Structure formats: C-alpha cells, structure tokens
Amino acid sequence: MTATRTARELAESYFTAWEAGDFETMRGLLAEDVDFVGALGTAQGAEEALAGLKGLGQVLEKIDVKVRVAEGDEVITWFDLCTGIAPPAPTANWMHVADGRITRIRVTFDPRGLLAGFADRA
C-alpha cells in the first residue's frame, strides 16, 4: 500500500514503472492533483501527467539512475534519460510526496537532443 511507503520507495517505484511502461502502477503512485513542470512541458493532475509520460515513454529505452537522495518528503533522482532518438540526457527529477502519493514533480535537463530527435521523426 502506498500510504506506508517512504518518499524514496515511491520514487523508486515511479521510475521502475515508467521504464517498464507500467502506467497503471504509475497512476497509483500519483496524487489526483499532481503538479508537473519539466523541460518539455507542464501538466496538472494525474491524467495529464500520465499522458506526457506516455508520450516520452514511446521513445524511452532506459532510465540509468546515478543517484537518489531523499530527505523527508522530498526526493531528488539524478539519471541519464536514454531514448532511441537522442544521446542520453543527464536529468534531475525532484519529487514531493504527501499522504503516500507523489504530489509535485520538477524535472530539468537540456531538451535540445530530444527536440531534434522528435523533429526528425516528424
């Protein structure tokens, strides 16, 4: 049950599910009103956030986690975002957890490689 998971465990489950394309599990980790802000866009609410993650999931090959740091309800995961359309993108993901769910996600990376890769696919 997510209510008993630590913020670190929720972050680990989030990345494992995303890499596996298991969006049903991801849905269970997100608060209804999750707030997402990233280099490629923003999303309000679980369904919008999942739609964005599914979109990037179409080209996702691997999430190569380098380090994860947790302090209370905050977790930062540093990883290489590996896709089939661009070189690996070093990425920082900061999550806030409340009441056993992920409520806020902030992601930063240089999006130029991904944007060029998406443009080439069009």
C-alpha atoms as a PDB file:
ATOM      1  CA  MET A   1       0.000   0.000   0.000  1.00  0.00           C
ATOM      2  CA  THR A   2       1.440   3.380  -0.980  1.00  0.00           C
ATOM      3  CA  ALA A   3       0.399   5.012   2.319  1.00  0.00           C
ATOM      4  CA  THR A   4       3.169   3.119   4.132  1.00  0.00           C
ATOM      5  CA  ARG A   5       5.885   3.686   1.531  1.00  0.00           C
ATOM      6  CA  THR A   6       8.629   6.208   2.067  1.00  0.00           C
ATOM      7  CA  ALA A   7       9.197   9.016  -0.417  1.00  0.00           C
ATOM      8  CA  ARG A   8      12.312   7.202  -1.611  1.00  0.00           C
ATOM      9  CA  GLU A   9      10.377   3.967  -2.194  1.00  0.00           C
ATOM     10  CA  LEU A  10       7.694   5.855  -4.135  1.00  0.00           C
ATOM     11  CA  ALA A  11      10.368   7.440  -6.343  1.00  0.00           C
ATOM     12  CA  GLU A  12      11.969   4.053  -6.967  1.00  0.00           C
ATOM     13  CA  SER A  13       8.581   2.558  -7.890  1.00  0.00           C
ATOM     14  CA  TYR A  14       7.796   5.522 -10.167  1.00  0.00           C
ATOM     15  CA  PHE A  15      10.983   5.138 -12.205  1.00  0.00           C
ATOM     16  CA  THR A  16      10.736   1.341 -12.345  1.00  0.00           C
ATOM     17  CA  ALA A  17       7.145   1.558 -13.596  1.00  0.00           C
ATOM     18  CA  TRP A  18       7.934   4.285 -16.140  1.00  0.00           C
ATOM     19  CA  GLU A  19      10.874   2.349 -17.567  1.00  0.00           C
ATOM     20  CA  ALA A  20       8.662  -0.760 -17.831  1.00  0.00           C
ATOM     21  CA  GLY A  21       5.791   1.172 -19.423  1.00  0.00           C
ATOM     22  CA  ASP A  22       3.572   0.184 -16.474  1.00  0.00           C
ATOM     23  CA  PHE A  23       1.332   3.245 -16.411  1.00  0.00           C
ATOM     24  CA  GLU A  24      -1.303   1.545 -14.252  1.00  0.00           C
ATOM     25  CA  THR A  25       1.235   1.260 -11.442  1.00  0.00           C
ATOM     26  CA  MET A  26       2.401   4.835 -12.080  1.00  0.00           C
ATOM     27  CA  ARG A  27      -1.199   6.058 -11.811  1.00  0.00           C
ATOM     28  CA  GLY A  28      -1.433   4.568  -8.331  1.00  0.00           C
ATOM     29  CA  LEU A  29       1.652   6.500  -7.203  1.00  0.00           C
ATOM     30  CA  LEU A  30       0.419   9.936  -8.291  1.00  0.00           C
ATOM     31  CA  ALA A  31      -1.898  12.212  -6.332  1.00  0.00           C
ATOM     32  CA  GLU A  32      -5.024  13.260  -8.242  1.00  0.00           C
ATOM     33  CA  ASP A  33      -3.783  16.860  -8.273  1.00  0.00           C
ATOM     34  CA  VAL A  34      -0.114  16.139  -9.013  1.00  0.00           C
ATOM     35  CA  ASP A  35       1.671  19.205 -10.381  1.00  0.00           C
ATOM     36  CA  PHE A  36       4.328  18.529 -13.045  1.00  0.00           C
ATOM     37  CA  VAL A  37       6.772  21.054 -14.506  1.00  0.00           C
ATOM     38  CA  GLY A  38       9.524  19.914 -16.845  1.00  0.00           C
ATOM     39  CA  ALA A  39      11.756  20.908 -19.724  1.00  0.00           C
ATOM     40  CA  LEU A  40       9.217  19.715 -22.305  1.00  0.00           C
ATOM     41  CA  GLY A  41       6.031  20.997 -20.673  1.00  0.00           C
ATOM     42  CA  THR A  42       3.729  21.165 -17.693  1.00  0.00           C
ATOM     43  CA  ALA A  43       0.806  19.064 -16.508  1.00  0.00           C
ATOM     44  CA  GLN A  44      -1.892  19.497 -13.904  1.00  0.00           C
ATOM     45  CA  GLY A  45      -3.451  16.353 -12.484  1.00  0.00           C
ATOM     46  CA  ALA A  46      -2.636  12.677 -12.773  1.00  0.00           C
ATOM     47  CA  GLU A  47      -4.166  12.092 -16.206  1.00  0.00           C
ATOM     48  CA  GLU A  48      -2.278  14.980 -17.840  1.00  0.00           C
ATOM     49  CA  ALA A  49       0.966  13.909 -16.181  1.00  0.00           C
ATOM     50  CA  LEU A  50       0.493  10.323 -17.363  1.00  0.00           C
ATOM     51  CA  ALA A  51      -0.236  11.484 -20.905  1.00  0.00           C
ATOM     52  CA  GLY A  52       3.081  13.317 -21.004  1.00  0.00           C
ATOM     53  CA  LEU A  53       4.973  10.388 -19.512  1.00  0.00           C
ATOM     54  CA  LYS A  54       3.366   8.019 -22.020  1.00  0.00           C
ATOM     55  CA  GLY A  55       4.412  10.321 -24.864  1.00  0.00           C
ATOM     56  CA  LEU A  56       8.045  10.308 -23.790  1.00  0.00           C
ATOM     57  CA  GLY A  57       7.677   6.605 -22.978  1.00  0.00           C
ATOM     58  CA  GLN A  58       7.275   5.904 -26.699  1.00  0.00           C
ATOM     59  CA  VAL A  59      10.972   6.657 -27.237  1.00  0.00           C
ATOM     60  CA  LEU A  60      12.277   5.731 -23.763  1.00  0.00           C
ATOM     61  CA  GLU A  61      14.830   2.929 -23.763  1.00  0.00           C
ATOM     62  CA  LYS A  62      16.329   3.142 -20.287  1.00  0.00           C
ATOM     63  CA  ILE A  63      16.462   5.239 -17.152  1.00  0.00           C
ATOM     64  CA  ASP A  64      20.018   4.974 -15.874  1.00  0.00           C
ATOM     65  CA  VAL A  65      19.815   6.189 -12.268  1.00  0.00           C
ATOM     66  CA  LYS A  66      23.085   7.592 -10.986  1.00  0.00           C
ATOM     67  CA  VAL A  67      21.995   8.670  -7.504  1.00  0.00           C
ATOM     68  CA  ARG A  68      18.828   9.198  -5.481  1.00  0.00           C
ATOM     69  CA  VAL A  69      18.745  11.430  -2.418  1.00  0.00           C
ATOM     70  CA  ALA A  70      15.791  11.539  -0.052  1.00  0.00           C
ATOM     71  CA  GLU A  71      15.119  13.851   2.839  1.00  0.00           C
ATOM     72  CA  GLY A  72      11.726  13.585   4.499  1.00  0.00           C
ATOM     73  CA  ASP A  73       9.046  14.006   1.837  1.00  0.00           C
ATOM     74  CA  GLU A  74      11.488  15.220  -0.843  1.00  0.00           C
ATOM     75  CA  VAL A  75      13.404  13.022  -3.310  1.00  0.00           C
ATOM     76  CA  ILE A  76      15.873  14.027  -5.995  1.00  0.00           C
ATOM     77  CA  THR A  77      16.859  11.452  -8.593  1.00  0.00           C
ATOM     78  CA  TRP A  78      19.773  12.142 -10.943  1.00  0.00           C
ATOM     79  CA  PHE A  79      19.718   9.929 -14.019  1.00  0.00           C
ATOM     80  CA  ASP A  80      20.537   9.612 -17.698  1.00  0.00           C
ATOM     81  CA  LEU A  81      17.364   9.654 -19.800  1.00  0.00           C
ATOM     82  CA  CYS A  82      18.181   7.207 -22.593  1.00  0.00           C
ATOM     83  CA  THR A  83      15.982   7.270 -25.678  1.00  0.00           C
ATOM     84  CA  GLY A  84      16.134   5.880 -29.181  1.00  0.00           C
ATOM     85  CA  ILE A  85      16.121   9.362 -30.737  1.00  0.00           C
ATOM     86  CA  ALA A  86      18.829  11.322 -28.885  1.00  0.00           C
ATOM     87  CA  PRO A  87      22.019  10.932 -26.878  1.00  0.00           C
ATOM     88  CA  PRO A  88      21.459  10.250 -23.150  1.00  0.00           C
ATOM     89  CA  ALA A  89      20.229  13.382 -21.370  1.00  0.00           C
ATOM     90  CA  PRO A  90      21.553  13.950 -17.829  1.00  0.00           C
ATOM     91  CA  THR A  91      18.375  14.694 -15.859  1.00  0.00           C
ATOM     92  CA  ALA A  92      17.368  15.829 -12.380  1.00  0.00           C
ATOM     93  CA  ASN A  93      13.917  14.930 -11.046  1.00  0.00           C
ATOM     94  CA  TRP A  94      12.674  16.436  -7.780  1.00  0.00           C
ATOM     95  CA  MET A  95       9.528  14.942  -6.228  1.00  0.00           C
ATOM     96  CA  HIS A  96       7.444  15.886  -3.223  1.00  0.00           C
ATOM     97  CA  VAL A  97       5.337  13.252  -1.502  1.00  0.00           C
ATOM     98  CA  ALA A  98       2.315  13.818   0.757  1.00  0.00           C
ATOM     99  CA  ASP A  99      -0.158  11.290   2.161  1.00  0.00           C
ATOM    100  CA  GLY A 100       1.620   8.416   0.413  1.00  0.00           C
ATOM    101  CA  ARG A 101       1.382   9.878  -3.112  1.00  0.00           C
ATOM    102  CA  ILE A 102       3.605  11.943  -5.388  1.00  0.00           C
ATOM    103  CA  THR A 103       2.161  15.469  -5.385  1.00  0.00           C
ATOM    104  CA  ARG A 104       4.798  17.531  -7.189  1.00  0.00           C
ATOM    105  CA  ILE A 105       7.401  16.716  -9.840  1.00  0.00           C
ATOM    106  CA  ARG A 106      10.022  19.092 -11.199  1.00  0.00           C
ATOM    107  CA  VAL A 107      12.330  17.891 -13.974  1.00  0.00           C
ATOM    108  CA  THR A 108      15.254  19.634 -15.580  1.00  0.00           C
ATOM    109  CA  PHE A 109      17.543  18.647 -18.439  1.00  0.00           C
ATOM    110  CA  ASP A 110      18.803  20.055 -21.722  1.00  0.00           C
ATOM    111  CA  PRO A 111      15.967  19.178 -24.138  1.00  0.00           C
ATOM    112  CA  ARG A 112      17.741  20.083 -27.398  1.00  0.00           C
ATOM    113  CA  GLY A 113      18.690  16.495 -28.308  1.00  0.00           C
ATOM    114  CA  LEU A 114      15.173  15.188 -27.703  1.00  0.00           C
ATOM    115  CA  LEU A 115      13.556  18.068 -29.570  1.00  0.00           C
ATOM    116  CA  ALA A 116      15.817  17.433 -32.571  1.00  0.00           C
ATOM    117  CA  GLY A 117      15.047  13.707 -32.374  1.00  0.00           C
ATOM    118  CA  PHE A 118      11.303  14.333 -32.307  1.00  0.00           C
ATOM    119  CA  ALA A 119      11.621  16.746 -35.250  1.00  0.00           C
ATOM    120  CA  ASP A 120      13.484  14.115 -37.260  1.00  0.00           C
ATOM    121  CA  ARG A 121      10.655  11.620 -36.636  1.00  0.00           C
ATOM    122  CA  ALA A 122       8.000  14.022 -37.967  1.00  0.00           C
END
